[in-house]
């Protein structure tokens, strides 16, 4: 399973849980939403790191 497939599965699970009114379903949905938020933050961090790395690579070497 790819990370994108896993994220999709989590989103489907949250959607499913939203149709149930019991406390357990609500609690599980909240926890999965927290995990989705963490995934989003990790993606942002990865993009920033990759951009920073690319900018370092693309700059000419000033130490010659």
PDB file of N, CA and C in Angstrom:
ATOM      1  N   UNK A   1       0.850  -1.168   0.000  1.00  0.00           N
ATOM      2  CA  UNK A   1       0.000   0.000   0.000  1.00  0.00           C
ATOM      3  C   UNK A   1       0.904   1.241   0.000  1.00  0.00           C
ATOM      4  N   UNK A   2       0.611   2.150  -0.887  1.00  0.00           N
ATOM      5  CA  UNK A   2       1.388   3.381  -0.966  1.00  0.00           C
ATOM      6  C   UNK A   2       0.912   4.368   0.098  1.00  0.00           C
ATOM      7  N   UNK A   3       1.726   5.366   0.408  1.00  0.00           N
ATOM      8  CA  UNK A   3       1.267   6.381   1.371  1.00  0.00           C
ATOM      9  C   UNK A   3      -0.023   7.077   0.924  1.00  0.00           C
ATOM     10  N   UNK A   4      -0.151   7.338  -0.361  1.00  0.00           N
ATOM     11  CA  UNK A   4      -1.369   7.981  -0.865  1.00  0.00           C
ATOM     12  C   UNK A   4      -2.589   7.074  -0.674  1.00  0.00           C
ATOM     13  N   UNK A   5      -2.420   5.783  -0.907  1.00  0.00           N
ATOM     14  CA  UNK A   5      -3.524   4.833  -0.708  1.00  0.00           C
ATOM     15  C   UNK A   5      -3.903   4.747   0.767  1.00  0.00           C
ATOM     16  N   UNK A   6      -2.893   4.783   1.635  1.00  0.00           N
ATOM     17  CA  UNK A   6      -3.150   4.732   3.070  1.00  0.00           C
ATOM     18  C   UNK A   6      -3.923   5.974   3.519  1.00  0.00           C
ATOM     19  N   UNK A   7      -3.515   7.128   3.021  1.00  0.00           N
ATOM     20  CA  UNK A   7      -4.216   8.376   3.359  1.00  0.00           C
ATOM     21  C   UNK A   7      -5.658   8.330   2.867  1.00  0.00           C
ATOM     22  N   UNK A   8      -5.872   7.809   1.673  1.00  0.00           N
ATOM     23  CA  UNK A   8      -7.226   7.675   1.135  1.00  0.00           C
ATOM     24  C   UNK A   8      -8.070   6.754   2.018  1.00  0.00           C
ATOM     25  N   UNK A   9      -7.479   5.662   2.471  1.00  0.00           N
ATOM     26  CA  UNK A   9      -8.189   4.736   3.349  1.00  0.00           C
ATOM     27  C   UNK A   9      -8.579   5.416   4.655  1.00  0.00           C
ATOM     28  N   UNK A  10      -7.690   6.216   5.207  1.00  0.00           N
ATOM     29  CA  UNK A  10      -8.013   6.943   6.437  1.00  0.00           C
ATOM     30  C   UNK A  10      -9.184   7.888   6.191  1.00  0.00           C
ATOM     31  N   UNK A  11      -9.138   8.607   5.062  1.00  0.00           N
ATOM     32  CA  UNK A  11     -10.226   9.550   4.750  1.00  0.00           C
ATOM     33  C   UNK A  11     -11.571   8.813   4.591  1.00  0.00           C
ATOM     34  N   UNK A  12     -11.543   7.662   3.948  1.00  0.00           N
ATOM     35  CA  UNK A  12     -12.773   6.870   3.802  1.00  0.00           C
ATOM     36  C   UNK A  12     -13.279   6.406   5.163  1.00  0.00           C
ATOM     37  N   UNK A  13     -12.363   6.026   6.030  1.00  0.00           N
ATOM     38  CA  UNK A  13     -12.737   5.574   7.369  1.00  0.00           C
ATOM     39  C   UNK A  13     -13.386   6.702   8.155  1.00  0.00           C
ATOM     40  N   UNK A  14     -12.794   7.894   8.092  1.00  0.00           N
ATOM     41  CA  UNK A  14     -13.364   9.048   8.797  1.00  0.00           C
ATOM     42  C   UNK A  14     -14.768   9.341   8.270  1.00  0.00           C
ATOM     43  N   UNK A  15     -14.922   9.312   6.956  1.00  0.00           N
ATOM     44  CA  UNK A  15     -16.239   9.559   6.361  1.00  0.00           C
ATOM     45  C   UNK A  15     -17.253   8.533   6.857  1.00  0.00           C
ATOM     46  N   UNK A  16     -16.853   7.274   6.883  1.00  0.00           N
ATOM     47  CA  UNK A  16     -17.726   6.207   7.370  1.00  0.00           C
ATOM     48  C   UNK A  16     -18.110   6.448   8.830  1.00  0.00           C
ATOM     49  N   UNK A  17     -17.118   6.794   9.650  1.00  0.00           N
ATOM     50  CA  UNK A  17     -17.368   6.993  11.080  1.00  0.00           C
ATOM     51  C   UNK A  17     -18.275   8.184  11.345  1.00  0.00           C
ATOM     52  N   UNK A  18     -18.245   9.174  10.471  1.00  0.00           N
ATOM     53  CA  UNK A  18     -19.091  10.351  10.660  1.00  0.00           C
ATOM     54  C   UNK A  18     -20.581  10.017  10.581  1.00  0.00           C
ATOM     55  N   UNK A  19     -20.935   8.895   9.973  1.00  0.00           N
ATOM     56  CA  UNK A  19     -22.333   8.480   9.869  1.00  0.00           C
ATOM     57  C   UNK A  19     -22.816   7.721  11.094  1.00  0.00           C
ATOM     58  N   UNK A  20     -21.923   7.487  12.045  1.00  0.00           N
ATOM     59  CA  UNK A  20     -22.283   6.781  13.274  1.00  0.00           C
ATOM     60  C   UNK A  20     -22.266   7.764  14.431  1.00  0.00           C
ATOM     61  N   UNK A  21     -23.263   7.670  15.265  1.00  0.00           N
ATOM     62  CA  UNK A  21     -23.416   8.663  16.333  1.00  0.00           C
ATOM     63  C   UNK A  21     -22.875   8.197  17.685  1.00  0.00           C
ATOM     64  N   UNK A  22     -22.382   6.976  17.775  1.00  0.00           N
ATOM     65  CA  UNK A  22     -21.905   6.527  19.080  1.00  0.00           C
ATOM     66  C   UNK A  22     -20.570   7.191  19.431  1.00  0.00           C
ATOM     67  N   UNK A  23     -20.299   7.260  20.713  1.00  0.00           N
ATOM     68  CA  UNK A  23     -19.110   7.948  21.213  1.00  0.00           C
ATOM     69  C   UNK A  23     -17.814   7.334  20.683  1.00  0.00           C
ATOM     70  N   UNK A  24     -17.782   6.026  20.557  1.00  0.00           N
ATOM     71  CA  UNK A  24     -16.567   5.359  20.066  1.00  0.00           C
ATOM     72  C   UNK A  24     -16.240   5.790  18.642  1.00  0.00           C
ATOM     73  N   UNK A  25     -17.241   5.839  17.791  1.00  0.00           N
ATOM     74  CA  UNK A  25     -17.025   6.253  16.400  1.00  0.00           C
ATOM     75  C   UNK A  25     -16.533   7.691  16.341  1.00  0.00           C
ATOM     76  N   UNK A  26     -17.119   8.545  17.160  1.00  0.00           N
ATOM     77  CA  UNK A  26     -16.699   9.947  17.187  1.00  0.00           C
ATOM     78  C   UNK A  26     -15.251  10.072  17.656  1.00  0.00           C
ATOM     79  N   UNK A  27     -14.912   9.314  18.677  1.00  0.00           N
ATOM     80  CA  UNK A  27     -13.558   9.362  19.232  1.00  0.00           C
ATOM     81  C   UNK A  27     -12.530   8.863  18.214  1.00  0.00           C
ATOM     82  N   UNK A  28     -12.848   7.786  17.540  1.00  0.00           N
ATOM     83  CA  UNK A  28     -11.938   7.237  16.525  1.00  0.00           C
ATOM     84  C   UNK A  28     -11.791   8.220  15.365  1.00  0.00           C
ATOM     85  N   UNK A  29     -12.868   8.843  14.947  1.00  0.00           N
ATOM     86  CA  UNK A  29     -12.811   9.819  13.853  1.00  0.00           C
ATOM     87  C   UNK A  29     -11.908  10.990  14.232  1.00  0.00           C
ATOM     88  N   UNK A  30     -12.007  11.450  15.465  1.00  0.00           N
ATOM     89  CA  UNK A  30     -11.156  12.550  15.935  1.00  0.00           C
ATOM     90  C   UNK A  30      -9.685  12.144  15.863  1.00  0.00           C
ATOM     91  N   UNK A  31      -9.385  10.943  16.310  1.00  0.00           N
ATOM     92  CA  UNK A  31      -7.995  10.467  16.286  1.00  0.00           C
ATOM     93  C   UNK A  31      -7.459  10.366  14.854  1.00  0.00           C
ATOM     94  N   UNK A  32      -8.291   9.862  13.946  1.00  0.00           N
ATOM     95  CA  UNK A  32      -7.848   9.760  12.546  1.00  0.00           C
ATOM     96  C   UNK A  32      -7.658  11.142  11.929  1.00  0.00           C
ATOM     97  N   UNK A  33      -8.497  12.092  12.302  1.00  0.00           N
ATOM     98  CA  UNK A  33      -8.332  13.466  11.790  1.00  0.00           C
ATOM     99  C   UNK A  33      -7.007  14.058  12.261  1.00  0.00           C
ATOM    100  N   UNK A  34      -6.621  13.734  13.496  1.00  0.00           N
ATOM    101  CA  UNK A  34      -5.327  14.195  14.013  1.00  0.00           C
ATOM    102  C   UNK A  34      -4.185  13.600  13.187  1.00  0.00           C
ATOM    103  N   UNK A  35      -4.317  12.341  12.852  1.00  0.00           N
ATOM    104  CA  UNK A  35      -3.288  11.677  12.046  1.00  0.00           C
ATOM    105  C   UNK A  35      -3.223  12.304  10.659  1.00  0.00           C
ATOM    106  N   UNK A  36      -4.373  12.605  10.067  1.00  0.00           N
ATOM    107  CA  UNK A  36      -4.393  13.270   8.753  1.00  0.00           C
ATOM    108  C   UNK A  36      -3.710  14.637   8.833  1.00  0.00           C
ATOM    109  N   UNK A  37      -3.920  15.358   9.921  1.00  0.00           N
ATOM    110  CA  UNK A  37      -3.268  16.662  10.094  1.00  0.00           C
ATOM    111  C   UNK A  37      -1.755  16.488  10.205  1.00  0.00           C
ATOM    112  N   UNK A  38      -1.318  15.446  10.892  1.00  0.00           N
ATOM    113  CA  UNK A  38       0.116  15.175  11.010  1.00  0.00           C
ATOM    114  C   UNK A  38       0.718  14.826   9.653  1.00  0.00           C
ATOM    115  N   UNK A  39      -0.010  14.053   8.865  1.00  0.00           N
ATOM    116  CA  UNK A  39       0.451  13.701   7.520  1.00  0.00           C
ATOM    117  C   UNK A  39       0.600  14.962   6.681  1.00  0.00           C
ATOM    118  N   UNK A  40      -0.369  15.858   6.783  1.00  0.00           N
ATOM    119  CA  UNK A  40      -0.321  17.114   6.027  1.00  0.00           C
ATOM    120  C   UNK A  40       0.911  17.931   6.425  1.00  0.00           C
ATOM    121  N   UNK A  41       1.180  18.012   7.721  1.00  0.00           N
ATOM    122  CA  UNK A  41       2.351  18.753   8.194  1.00  0.00           C
ATOM    123  C   UNK A  41       3.649  18.113   7.699  1.00  0.00           C
ATOM    124  N   UNK A  42       3.701  16.791   7.707  1.00  0.00           N
ATOM    125  CA  UNK A  42       4.889  16.087   7.230  1.00  0.00           C
ATOM    126  C   UNK A  42       5.119  16.350   5.740  1.00  0.00           C
ATOM    127  N   UNK A  43       4.038  16.390   4.977  1.00  0.00           N
ATOM    128  CA  UNK A  43       4.152  16.676   3.548  1.00  0.00           C
ATOM    129  C   UNK A  43       4.694  18.076   3.320  1.00  0.00           C
ATOM    130  N   UNK A  44       4.182  19.057   4.080  1.00  0.00           N
ATOM    131  CA  UNK A  44       4.654  20.434   3.956  1.00  0.00           C
ATOM    132  C   UNK A  44       6.140  20.521   4.282  1.00  0.00           C
ATOM    133  N   UNK A  45       6.517  19.847   5.346  1.00  0.00           N
ATOM    134  CA  UNK A  45       7.911  19.859   5.782  1.00  0.00           C
ATOM    135  C   UNK A  45       8.811  19.249   4.708  1.00  0.00           C
ATOM    136  N   UNK A  46       8.352  18.155   4.112  1.00  0.00           N
ATOM    137  CA  UNK A  46       9.125  17.481   3.073  1.00  0.00           C
ATOM    138  C   UNK A  46       9.300  18.393   1.858  1.00  0.00           C
ATOM    139  N   UNK A  47       8.235  19.072   1.452  1.00  0.00           N
ATOM    140  CA  UNK A  47       8.296  19.974   0.303  1.00  0.00           C
ATOM    141  C   UNK A  47       9.281  21.109   0.580  1.00  0.00           C
ATOM    142  N   UNK A  48       9.228  21.677   1.786  1.00  0.00           N
ATOM    143  CA  UNK A  48      10.143  22.758   2.147  1.00  0.00           C
ATOM    144  C   UNK A  48      11.586  22.273   2.130  1.00  0.00           C
ATOM    145  N   UNK A  49      11.821  21.077   2.665  1.00  0.00           N
ATOM    146  CA  UNK A  49      13.182  20.535   2.692  1.00  0.00           C
ATOM    147  C   UNK A  49      13.693  20.271   1.281  1.00  0.00           C
ATOM    148  N   UNK A  50      12.836  19.738   0.430  1.00  0.00           N
ATOM    149  CA  UNK A  50      13.226  19.465  -0.948  1.00  0.00           C
ATOM    150  C   UNK A  50      13.527  20.765  -1.697  1.00  0.00           C
ATOM    151  N   UNK A  51      12.721  21.790  -1.468  1.00  0.00           N
ATOM    152  CA  UNK A  51      12.941  23.083  -2.124  1.00  0.00           C
ATOM    153  C   UNK A  51      14.256  23.692  -1.659  1.00  0.00           C
ATOM    154  N   UNK A  52      14.524  23.586  -0.375  1.00  0.00           N
ATOM    155  CA  UNK A  52      15.766  24.112   0.172  1.00  0.00           C
ATOM    156  C   UNK A  52      16.967  23.369  -0.409  1.00  0.00           C
ATOM    157  N   UNK A  53      16.865  22.073  -0.512  1.00  0.00           N
ATOM    158  CA  UNK A  53      17.938  21.262  -1.073  1.00  0.00           C
ATOM    159  C   UNK A  53      18.162  21.603  -2.543  1.00  0.00           C
ATOM    160  N   UNK A  54      17.075  21.755  -3.282  1.00  0.00           N
ATOM    161  CA  UNK A  54      17.186  22.105  -4.702  1.00  0.00           C
ATOM    162  C   UNK A  54      17.830  23.470  -4.888  1.00  0.00           C
ATOM    163  N   UNK A  55      17.484  24.410  -4.021  1.00  0.00           N
ATOM    164  CA  UNK A  55      18.070  25.742  -4.155  1.00  0.00           C
ATOM    165  C   UNK A  55      19.564  25.708  -3.854  1.00  0.00           C
ATOM    166  N   UNK A  56      19.980  24.866  -2.929  1.00  0.00           N
ATOM    167  CA  UNK A  56      21.406  24.726  -2.628  1.00  0.00           C
ATOM    168  C   UNK A  56      22.143  24.086  -3.799  1.00  0.00           C
ATOM    169  N   UNK A  57      21.524  23.123  -4.423  1.00  0.00           N
ATOM    170  CA  UNK A  57      22.140  22.415  -5.547  1.00  0.00           C
ATOM    171  C   UNK A  57      22.236  23.327  -6.765  1.00  0.00           C
ATOM    172  N   UNK A  58      21.215  24.129  -7.002  1.00  0.00           N
ATOM    173  CA  UNK A  58      21.176  24.957  -8.207  1.00  0.00           C
ATOM    174  C   UNK A  58      22.041  26.208  -8.112  1.00  0.00           C
ATOM    175  N   UNK A  59      22.461  26.609  -6.913  1.00  0.00           N
ATOM    176  CA  UNK A  59      23.316  27.778  -6.759  1.00  0.00           C
ATOM    177  C   UNK A  59      24.723  27.443  -7.248  1.00  0.00           C
ATOM    178  N   UNK A  60      25.364  28.401  -7.929  1.00  0.00           N
ATOM    179  CA  UNK A  60      26.743  28.158  -8.350  1.00  0.00           C
ATOM    180  C   UNK A  60      27.667  28.090  -7.131  1.00  0.00           C
ATOM    181  N   UNK A  61      28.721  27.321  -7.273  1.00  0.00           N
ATOM    182  CA  UNK A  61      29.676  27.130  -6.181  1.00  0.00           C
ATOM    183  C   UNK A  61      30.562  28.361  -6.076  1.00  0.00           C
ATOM    184  N   UNK A  62      30.490  29.057  -4.939  1.00  0.00           N
ATOM    185  CA  UNK A  62      31.249  30.282  -4.728  1.00  0.00           C
ATOM    186  C   UNK A  62      32.636  30.011  -4.164  1.00  0.00           C
ATOM    187  N   UNK A  63      32.960  28.777  -3.890  1.00  0.00           N
ATOM    188  CA  UNK A  63      34.222  28.451  -3.238  1.00  0.00           C
ATOM    189  C   UNK A  63      35.309  28.043  -4.212  1.00  0.00           C
ATOM    190  N   UNK A  64      35.192  28.319  -5.476  1.00  0.00           N
ATOM    191  CA  UNK A  64      36.191  27.911  -6.464  1.00  0.00           C
ATOM    192  C   UNK A  64      37.342  28.874  -6.495  1.00  0.00           C
TER     193      UNK A  64
END
